[in-house]
Amino acid sequence: MLRVLVADERGRRLPAPGVSRWLARVAPARARGTISVALVSDATVRALNRTYRGVDRATDVLSFSATPSPEPRIPNP
């Protein structure tokens, strides 16, 4: 079973039953785990895109691997 967590920029959980239903239809029947979705402003996604991809513009989607990398990348403060 997939667990879906949806939050806003401040980390507040948002109800999103439509996302859960959609994933239940499209995900493989044996899929297991948690999917976290953050709904953020253009300014926030632009800052994240710049930090993690080196691209200074907003984008529609950013995705991050759940598998830890050997050397975690920590953004400069």
PDB file of N, CA and C in Angstrom:
ATOM      1  N   MET A   1       0.837  -1.183   0.000  1.00  0.00           N
ATOM      2  CA  MET A   1       0.000   0.000   0.000  1.00  0.00           C
ATOM      3  C   MET A   1       0.880   1.243   0.000  1.00  0.00           C
ATOM      4  N   LEU A   2       0.467   2.241  -0.755  1.00  0.00           N
ATOM      5  CA  LEU A   2       1.172   3.513  -0.773  1.00  0.00           C
ATOM      6  C   LEU A   2       0.519   4.480   0.205  1.00  0.00           C
ATOM      7  N   ARG A   3       1.353   5.170   0.937  1.00  0.00           N
ATOM      8  CA  ARG A   3       0.876   6.217   1.840  1.00  0.00           C
ATOM      9  C   ARG A   3       1.234   7.545   1.183  1.00  0.00           C
ATOM     10  N   VAL A   4       0.288   8.462   1.125  1.00  0.00           N
ATOM     11  CA  VAL A   4       0.506   9.753   0.479  1.00  0.00           C
ATOM     12  C   VAL A   4       0.409  10.851   1.525  1.00  0.00           C
ATOM     13  N   LEU A   5       1.465  11.665   1.622  1.00  0.00           N
ATOM     14  CA  LEU A   5       1.483  12.801   2.535  1.00  0.00           C
ATOM     15  C   LEU A   5       1.583  14.069   1.700  1.00  0.00           C
ATOM     16  N   VAL A   6       0.658  14.988   1.894  1.00  0.00           N
ATOM     17  CA  VAL A   6       0.661  16.256   1.165  1.00  0.00           C
ATOM     18  C   VAL A   6       0.733  17.375   2.195  1.00  0.00           C
ATOM     19  N   ALA A   7       1.643  18.334   1.966  1.00  0.00           N
ATOM     20  CA  ALA A   7       1.822  19.441   2.908  1.00  0.00           C
ATOM     21  C   ALA A   7       2.014  20.740   2.138  1.00  0.00           C
ATOM     22  N   ASP A   8       1.795  21.854   2.842  1.00  0.00           N
ATOM     23  CA  ASP A   8       2.061  23.163   2.249  1.00  0.00           C
ATOM     24  C   ASP A   8       3.489  23.591   2.590  1.00  0.00           C
ATOM     25  N   GLU A   9       3.849  24.827   2.227  1.00  0.00           N
ATOM     26  CA  GLU A   9       5.204  25.333   2.453  1.00  0.00           C
ATOM     27  C   GLU A   9       5.631  25.306   3.905  1.00  0.00           C
ATOM     28  N   ARG A  10       4.694  25.452   4.795  1.00  0.00           N
ATOM     29  CA  ARG A  10       5.017  25.484   6.227  1.00  0.00           C
ATOM     30  C   ARG A  10       5.005  24.098   6.862  1.00  0.00           C
ATOM     31  N   GLY A  11       4.788  23.076   6.060  1.00  0.00           N
ATOM     32  CA  GLY A  11       4.781  21.717   6.580  1.00  0.00           C
ATOM     33  C   GLY A  11       3.451  21.269   7.149  1.00  0.00           C
ATOM     34  N   ARG A  12       2.413  22.087   6.961  1.00  0.00           N
ATOM     35  CA  ARG A  12       1.084  21.706   7.459  1.00  0.00           C
ATOM     36  C   ARG A  12       0.475  20.692   6.508  1.00  0.00           C
ATOM     37  N   ARG A  13      -0.016  19.594   7.077  1.00  0.00           N
ATOM     38  CA  ARG A  13      -0.639  18.558   6.246  1.00  0.00           C
ATOM     39  C   ARG A  13      -1.916  19.077   5.614  1.00  0.00           C
ATOM     40  N   LEU A  14      -2.121  18.691   4.372  1.00  0.00           N
ATOM     41  CA  LEU A  14      -3.311  19.076   3.631  1.00  0.00           C
ATOM     42  C   LEU A  14      -4.088  17.823   3.256  1.00  0.00           C
ATOM     43  N   PRO A  15      -5.403  17.869   3.337  1.00  0.00           N
ATOM     44  CA  PRO A  15      -6.177  16.717   2.874  1.00  0.00           C
ATOM     45  C   PRO A  15      -6.092  16.646   1.348  1.00  0.00           C
ATOM     46  N   ALA A  16      -5.831  15.474   0.844  1.00  0.00           N
ATOM     47  CA  ALA A  16      -5.721  15.309  -0.607  1.00  0.00           C
ATOM     48  C   ALA A  16      -6.222  13.926  -1.006  1.00  0.00           C
ATOM     49  N   PRO A  17      -7.489  13.635  -0.748  1.00  0.00           N
ATOM     50  CA  PRO A  17      -7.998  12.300  -1.077  1.00  0.00           C
ATOM     51  C   PRO A  17      -7.933  11.993  -2.569  1.00  0.00           C
ATOM     52  N   GLY A  18      -8.024  13.014  -3.406  1.00  0.00           N
ATOM     53  CA  GLY A  18      -7.951  12.788  -4.851  1.00  0.00           C
ATOM     54  C   GLY A  18      -6.600  12.237  -5.273  1.00  0.00           C
ATOM     55  N   VAL A  19      -5.524  12.727  -4.666  1.00  0.00           N
ATOM     56  CA  VAL A  19      -4.183  12.238  -4.991  1.00  0.00           C
ATOM     57  C   VAL A  19      -4.057  10.772  -4.594  1.00  0.00           C
ATOM     58  N   SER A  20      -4.548  10.425  -3.418  1.00  0.00           N
ATOM     59  CA  SER A  20      -4.486   9.032  -2.955  1.00  0.00           C
ATOM     60  C   SER A  20      -5.269   8.107  -3.883  1.00  0.00           C
ATOM     61  N   ARG A  21      -6.440   8.531  -4.295  1.00  0.00           N
ATOM     62  CA  ARG A  21      -7.255   7.703  -5.199  1.00  0.00           C
ATOM     63  C   ARG A  21      -6.569   7.538  -6.556  1.00  0.00           C
ATOM     64  N   TRP A  22      -6.014   8.625  -7.060  1.00  0.00           N
ATOM     65  CA  TRP A  22      -5.321   8.566  -8.340  1.00  0.00           C
ATOM     66  C   TRP A  22      -4.136   7.600  -8.263  1.00  0.00           C
ATOM     67  N   LEU A  23      -3.331   7.696  -7.207  1.00  0.00           N
ATOM     68  CA  LEU A  23      -2.189   6.797  -7.068  1.00  0.00           C
ATOM     69  C   LEU A  23      -2.622   5.346  -6.942  1.00  0.00           C
ATOM     70  N   ALA A  24      -3.720   5.104  -6.257  1.00  0.00           N
ATOM     71  CA  ALA A  24      -4.225   3.735  -6.131  1.00  0.00           C
ATOM     72  C   ALA A  24      -4.549   3.152  -7.506  1.00  0.00           C
ATOM     73  N   ARG A  25      -4.977   4.002  -8.437  1.00  0.00           N
ATOM     74  CA  ARG A  25      -5.307   3.535  -9.788  1.00  0.00           C
ATOM     75  C   ARG A  25      -4.069   3.329 -10.655  1.00  0.00           C
ATOM     76  N   VAL A  26      -3.082   4.213 -10.543  1.00  0.00           N
ATOM     77  CA  VAL A  26      -1.962   4.188 -11.488  1.00  0.00           C
ATOM     78  C   VAL A  26      -0.720   3.458 -10.986  1.00  0.00           C
ATOM     79  N   ALA A  27      -0.569   3.308  -9.693  1.00  0.00           N
ATOM     80  CA  ALA A  27       0.624   2.643  -9.150  1.00  0.00           C
ATOM     81  C   ALA A  27       0.519   1.132  -9.338  1.00  0.00           C
ATOM     82  N   PRO A  28       1.651   0.478  -9.487  1.00  0.00           N
ATOM     83  CA  PRO A  28       1.611  -0.985  -9.560  1.00  0.00           C
ATOM     84  C   PRO A  28       0.954  -1.566  -8.310  1.00  0.00           C
ATOM     85  N   ALA A  29       0.241  -2.660  -8.473  1.00  0.00           N
ATOM     86  CA  ALA A  29      -0.503  -3.263  -7.359  1.00  0.00           C
ATOM     87  C   ALA A  29       0.399  -3.609  -6.179  1.00  0.00           C
ATOM     88  N   ARG A  30       1.657  -3.924  -6.433  1.00  0.00           N
ATOM     89  CA  ARG A  30       2.557  -4.318  -5.350  1.00  0.00           C
ATOM     90  C   ARG A  30       3.358  -3.153  -4.784  1.00  0.00           C
ATOM     91  N   ALA A  31       3.096  -1.936  -5.223  1.00  0.00           N
ATOM     92  CA  ALA A  31       3.850  -0.775  -4.750  1.00  0.00           C
ATOM     93  C   ALA A  31       3.629  -0.570  -3.256  1.00  0.00           C
ATOM     94  N   ARG A  32       4.708  -0.289  -2.553  1.00  0.00           N
ATOM     95  CA  ARG A  32       4.655  -0.047  -1.115  1.00  0.00           C
ATOM     96  C   ARG A  32       5.529   1.155  -0.798  1.00  0.00           C
ATOM     97  N   GLY A  33       5.190   1.882   0.249  1.00  0.00           N
ATOM     98  CA  GLY A  33       6.030   2.987   0.680  1.00  0.00           C
ATOM     99  C   GLY A  33       5.238   4.249   0.911  1.00  0.00           C
ATOM    100  N   THR A  34       5.961   5.352   0.988  1.00  0.00           N
ATOM    101  CA  THR A  34       5.367   6.655   1.250  1.00  0.00           C
ATOM    102  C   THR A  34       5.795   7.631   0.169  1.00  0.00           C
ATOM    103  N   ILE A  35       4.844   8.417  -0.286  1.00  0.00           N
ATOM    104  CA  ILE A  35       5.112   9.495  -1.234  1.00  0.00           C
ATOM    105  C   ILE A  35       4.764  10.795  -0.527  1.00  0.00           C
ATOM    106  N   SER A  36       5.733  11.716  -0.487  1.00  0.00           N
ATOM    107  CA  SER A  36       5.503  13.018   0.137  1.00  0.00           C
ATOM    108  C   SER A  36       5.466  14.082  -0.951  1.00  0.00           C
ATOM    109  N   VAL A  37       4.453  14.925  -0.902  1.00  0.00           N
ATOM    110  CA  VAL A  37       4.276  16.000  -1.877  1.00  0.00           C
ATOM    111  C   VAL A  37       4.204  17.312  -1.113  1.00  0.00           C
ATOM    112  N   ALA A  38       4.998  18.295  -1.539  1.00  0.00           N
ATOM    113  CA  ALA A  38       4.958  19.624  -0.933  1.00  0.00           C
ATOM    114  C   ALA A  38       4.453  20.610  -1.983  1.00  0.00           C
ATOM    115  N   LEU A  39       3.400  21.320  -1.656  1.00  0.00           N
ATOM    116  CA  LEU A  39       2.857  22.349  -2.543  1.00  0.00           C
ATOM    117  C   LEU A  39       3.435  23.680  -2.084  1.00  0.00           C
ATOM    118  N   VAL A  40       4.283  24.279  -2.930  1.00  0.00           N
ATOM    119  CA  VAL A  40       5.015  25.482  -2.531  1.00  0.00           C
ATOM    120  C   VAL A  40       4.875  26.577  -3.584  1.00  0.00           C
ATOM    121  N   SER A  41       5.277  27.779  -3.206  1.00  0.00           N
ATOM    122  CA  SER A  41       5.203  28.933  -4.104  1.00  0.00           C
ATOM    123  C   SER A  41       6.292  28.855  -5.175  1.00  0.00           C
ATOM    124  N   ASP A  42       6.132  29.677  -6.210  1.00  0.00           N
ATOM    125  CA  ASP A  42       7.156  29.754  -7.252  1.00  0.00           C
ATOM    126  C   ASP A  42       8.502  30.179  -6.668  1.00  0.00           C
ATOM    127  N   ALA A  43       8.483  31.120  -5.716  1.00  0.00           N
ATOM    128  CA  ALA A  43       9.735  31.589  -5.108  1.00  0.00           C
ATOM    129  C   ALA A  43      10.455  30.455  -4.385  1.00  0.00           C
ATOM    130  N   THR A  44       9.705  29.635  -3.672  1.00  0.00           N
ATOM    131  CA  THR A  44      10.314  28.520  -2.942  1.00  0.00           C
ATOM    132  C   THR A  44      10.855  27.467  -3.890  1.00  0.00           C
ATOM    133  N   VAL A  45      10.084  27.103  -4.903  1.00  0.00           N
ATOM    134  CA  VAL A  45      10.564  26.076  -5.833  1.00  0.00           C
ATOM    135  C   VAL A  45      11.752  26.607  -6.638  1.00  0.00           C
ATOM    136  N   ARG A  46      11.789  27.902  -6.914  1.00  0.00           N
ATOM    137  CA  ARG A  46      12.946  28.486  -7.597  1.00  0.00           C
ATOM    138  C   ARG A  46      14.194  28.371  -6.725  1.00  0.00           C
ATOM    139  N   ALA A  47      14.056  28.690  -5.433  1.00  0.00           N
ATOM    140  CA  ALA A  47      15.195  28.585  -4.513  1.00  0.00           C
ATOM    141  C   ALA A  47      15.675  27.138  -4.400  1.00  0.00           C
ATOM    142  N   LEU A  48      14.753  26.197  -4.319  1.00  0.00           N
ATOM    143  CA  LEU A  48      15.128  24.780  -4.249  1.00  0.00           C
ATOM    144  C   LEU A  48      15.804  24.328  -5.542  1.00  0.00           C
ATOM    145  N   ASN A  49      15.274  24.755  -6.670  1.00  0.00           N
ATOM    146  CA  ASN A  49      15.852  24.407  -7.965  1.00  0.00           C
ATOM    147  C   ASN A  49      17.275  24.954  -8.076  1.00  0.00           C
ATOM    148  N   ARG A  50      17.477  26.177  -7.616  1.00  0.00           N
ATOM    149  CA  ARG A  50      18.803  26.797  -7.644  1.00  0.00           C
ATOM    150  C   ARG A  50      19.771  26.033  -6.728  1.00  0.00           C
ATOM    151  N   THR A  51      19.312  25.686  -5.524  1.00  0.00           N
ATOM    152  CA  THR A  51      20.166  24.998  -4.555  1.00  0.00           C
ATOM    153  C   THR A  51      20.550  23.596  -5.005  1.00  0.00           C
ATOM    154  N   TYR A  52      19.585  22.832  -5.453  1.00  0.00           N
ATOM    155  CA  TYR A  52      19.829  21.415  -5.722  1.00  0.00           C
ATOM    156  C   TYR A  52      20.168  21.086  -7.168  1.00  0.00           C
ATOM    157  N   ARG A  53      19.818  21.970  -8.113  1.00  0.00           N
ATOM    158  CA  ARG A  53      20.092  21.676  -9.524  1.00  0.00           C
ATOM    159  C   ARG A  53      20.948  22.732 -10.198  1.00  0.00           C
ATOM    160  N   GLY A  54      21.173  23.864  -9.504  1.00  0.00           N
ATOM    161  CA  GLY A  54      21.964  24.929 -10.101  1.00  0.00           C
ATOM    162  C   GLY A  54      21.241  25.675 -11.204  1.00  0.00           C
ATOM    163  N   VAL A  55      19.902  25.594 -11.221  1.00  0.00           N
ATOM    164  CA  VAL A  55      19.085  26.255 -12.246  1.00  0.00           C
ATOM    165  C   VAL A  55      18.256  27.330 -11.553  1.00  0.00           C
ATOM    166  N   ASP A  56      18.496  28.598 -11.898  1.00  0.00           N
ATOM    167  CA  ASP A  56      17.850  29.711 -11.205  1.00  0.00           C
ATOM    168  C   ASP A  56      16.534  30.109 -11.873  1.00  0.00           C
ATOM    169  N   ARG A  57      15.556  29.217 -11.794  1.00  0.00           N
ATOM    170  CA  ARG A  57      14.210  29.527 -12.277  1.00  0.00           C
ATOM    171  C   ARG A  57      13.227  28.554 -11.627  1.00  0.00           C
ATOM    172  N   ALA A  58      11.975  28.956 -11.610  1.00  0.00           N
ATOM    173  CA  ALA A  58      10.929  28.079 -11.076  1.00  0.00           C
ATOM    174  C   ALA A  58      10.706  26.924 -12.046  1.00  0.00           C
ATOM    175  N   THR A  59      10.181  25.848 -11.537  1.00  0.00           N
ATOM    176  CA  THR A  59       9.859  24.679 -12.349  1.00  0.00           C
ATOM    177  C   THR A  59       8.565  24.079 -11.818  1.00  0.00           C
ATOM    178  N   ASP A  60       7.965  23.192 -12.579  1.00  0.00           N
ATOM    179  CA  ASP A  60       6.707  22.579 -12.151  1.00  0.00           C
ATOM    180  C   ASP A  60       6.914  21.506 -11.093  1.00  0.00           C
ATOM    181  N   VAL A  61       7.980  20.720 -11.238  1.00  0.00           N
ATOM    182  CA  VAL A  61       8.185  19.566 -10.358  1.00  0.00           C
ATOM    183  C   VAL A  61       9.664  19.415 -10.027  1.00  0.00           C
ATOM    184  N   LEU A  62       9.951  19.148  -8.769  1.00  0.00           N
ATOM    185  CA  LEU A  62      11.273  18.704  -8.338  1.00  0.00           C
ATOM    186  C   LEU A  62      11.074  17.370  -7.643  1.00  0.00           C
ATOM    187  N   SER A  63      11.927  16.426  -7.919  1.00  0.00           N
ATOM    188  CA  SER A  63      11.819  15.131  -7.233  1.00  0.00           C
ATOM    189  C   SER A  63      13.181  14.777  -6.651  1.00  0.00           C
ATOM    190  N   PHE A  64      13.139  14.080  -5.540  1.00  0.00           N
ATOM    191  CA  PHE A  64      14.351  13.694  -4.840  1.00  0.00           C
ATOM    192  C   PHE A  64      14.284  12.213  -4.517  1.00  0.00           C
ATOM    193  N   SER A  65      15.399  11.537  -4.652  1.00  0.00           N
ATOM    194  CA  SER A  65      15.473  10.110  -4.363  1.00  0.00           C
ATOM    195  C   SER A  65      15.289   9.852  -2.873  1.00  0.00           C
ATOM    196  N   ALA A  66      14.608   8.782  -2.566  1.00  0.00           N
ATOM    197  CA  ALA A  66      14.452   8.379  -1.170  1.00  0.00           C
ATOM    198  C   ALA A  66      15.656   7.573  -0.703  1.00  0.00           C
ATOM    199  N   THR A  67      16.486   7.150  -1.647  1.00  0.00           N
ATOM    200  CA  THR A  67      17.674   6.383  -1.314  1.00  0.00           C
ATOM    201  C   THR A  67      18.786   7.347  -0.929  1.00  0.00           C
ATOM    202  N   PRO A  68      19.341   7.210   0.258  1.00  0.00           N
ATOM    203  CA  PRO A  68      20.402   8.138   0.666  1.00  0.00           C
ATOM    204  C   PRO A  68      21.617   8.024  -0.248  1.00  0.00           C
ATOM    205  N   SER A  69      22.204   9.156  -0.566  1.00  0.00           N
ATOM    206  CA  SER A  69      23.420   9.146  -1.370  1.00  0.00           C
ATOM    207  C   SER A  69      24.606   8.885  -0.440  1.00  0.00           C
ATOM    208  N   PRO A  70      25.730   8.403  -0.986  1.00  0.00           N
ATOM    209  CA  PRO A  70      26.883   8.127  -0.130  1.00  0.00           C
ATOM    210  C   PRO A  70      27.383   9.378   0.585  1.00  0.00           C
ATOM    211  N   GLU A  71      27.306  10.528  -0.083  1.00  0.00           N
ATOM    212  CA  GLU A  71      27.728  11.793   0.516  1.00  0.00           C
ATOM    213  C   GLU A  71      26.563  12.762   0.435  1.00  0.00           C
ATOM    214  N   PRO A  72      25.816  12.932   1.539  1.00  0.00           N
ATOM    215  CA  PRO A  72      24.663  13.839   1.494  1.00  0.00           C
ATOM    216  C   PRO A  72      25.085  15.254   1.131  1.00  0.00           C
ATOM    217  N   ARG A  73      24.281  15.886   0.307  1.00  0.00           N
ATOM    218  CA  ARG A  73      24.549  17.265  -0.099  1.00  0.00           C
ATOM    219  C   ARG A  73      23.811  18.198   0.840  1.00  0.00           C
ATOM    220  N   ILE A  74      24.567  19.039   1.527  1.00  0.00           N
ATOM    221  CA  ILE A  74      23.970  19.981   2.471  1.00  0.00           C
ATOM    222  C   ILE A  74      24.135  21.373   1.888  1.00  0.00           C
ATOM    223  N   PRO A  75      23.010  22.088   1.667  1.00  0.00           N
ATOM    224  CA  PRO A  75      23.122  23.428   1.079  1.00  0.00           C
ATOM    225  C   PRO A  75      23.827  24.388   2.020  1.00  0.00           C
ATOM    226  N   ASN A  76      24.526  25.369   1.444  1.00  0.00           N
ATOM    227  CA  ASN A  76      25.173  26.407   2.249  1.00  0.00           C
ATOM    228  C   ASN A  76      24.125  27.308   2.861  1.00  0.00           C
ATOM    229  N   PRO A  77      24.317  27.684   4.135  1.00  0.00           N
ATOM    230  CA  PRO A  77      23.321  28.584   4.769  1.00  0.00           C
ATOM    231  C   PRO A  77      23.319  29.964   4.168  1.00  0.00           C
TER     232      PRO A  77
END
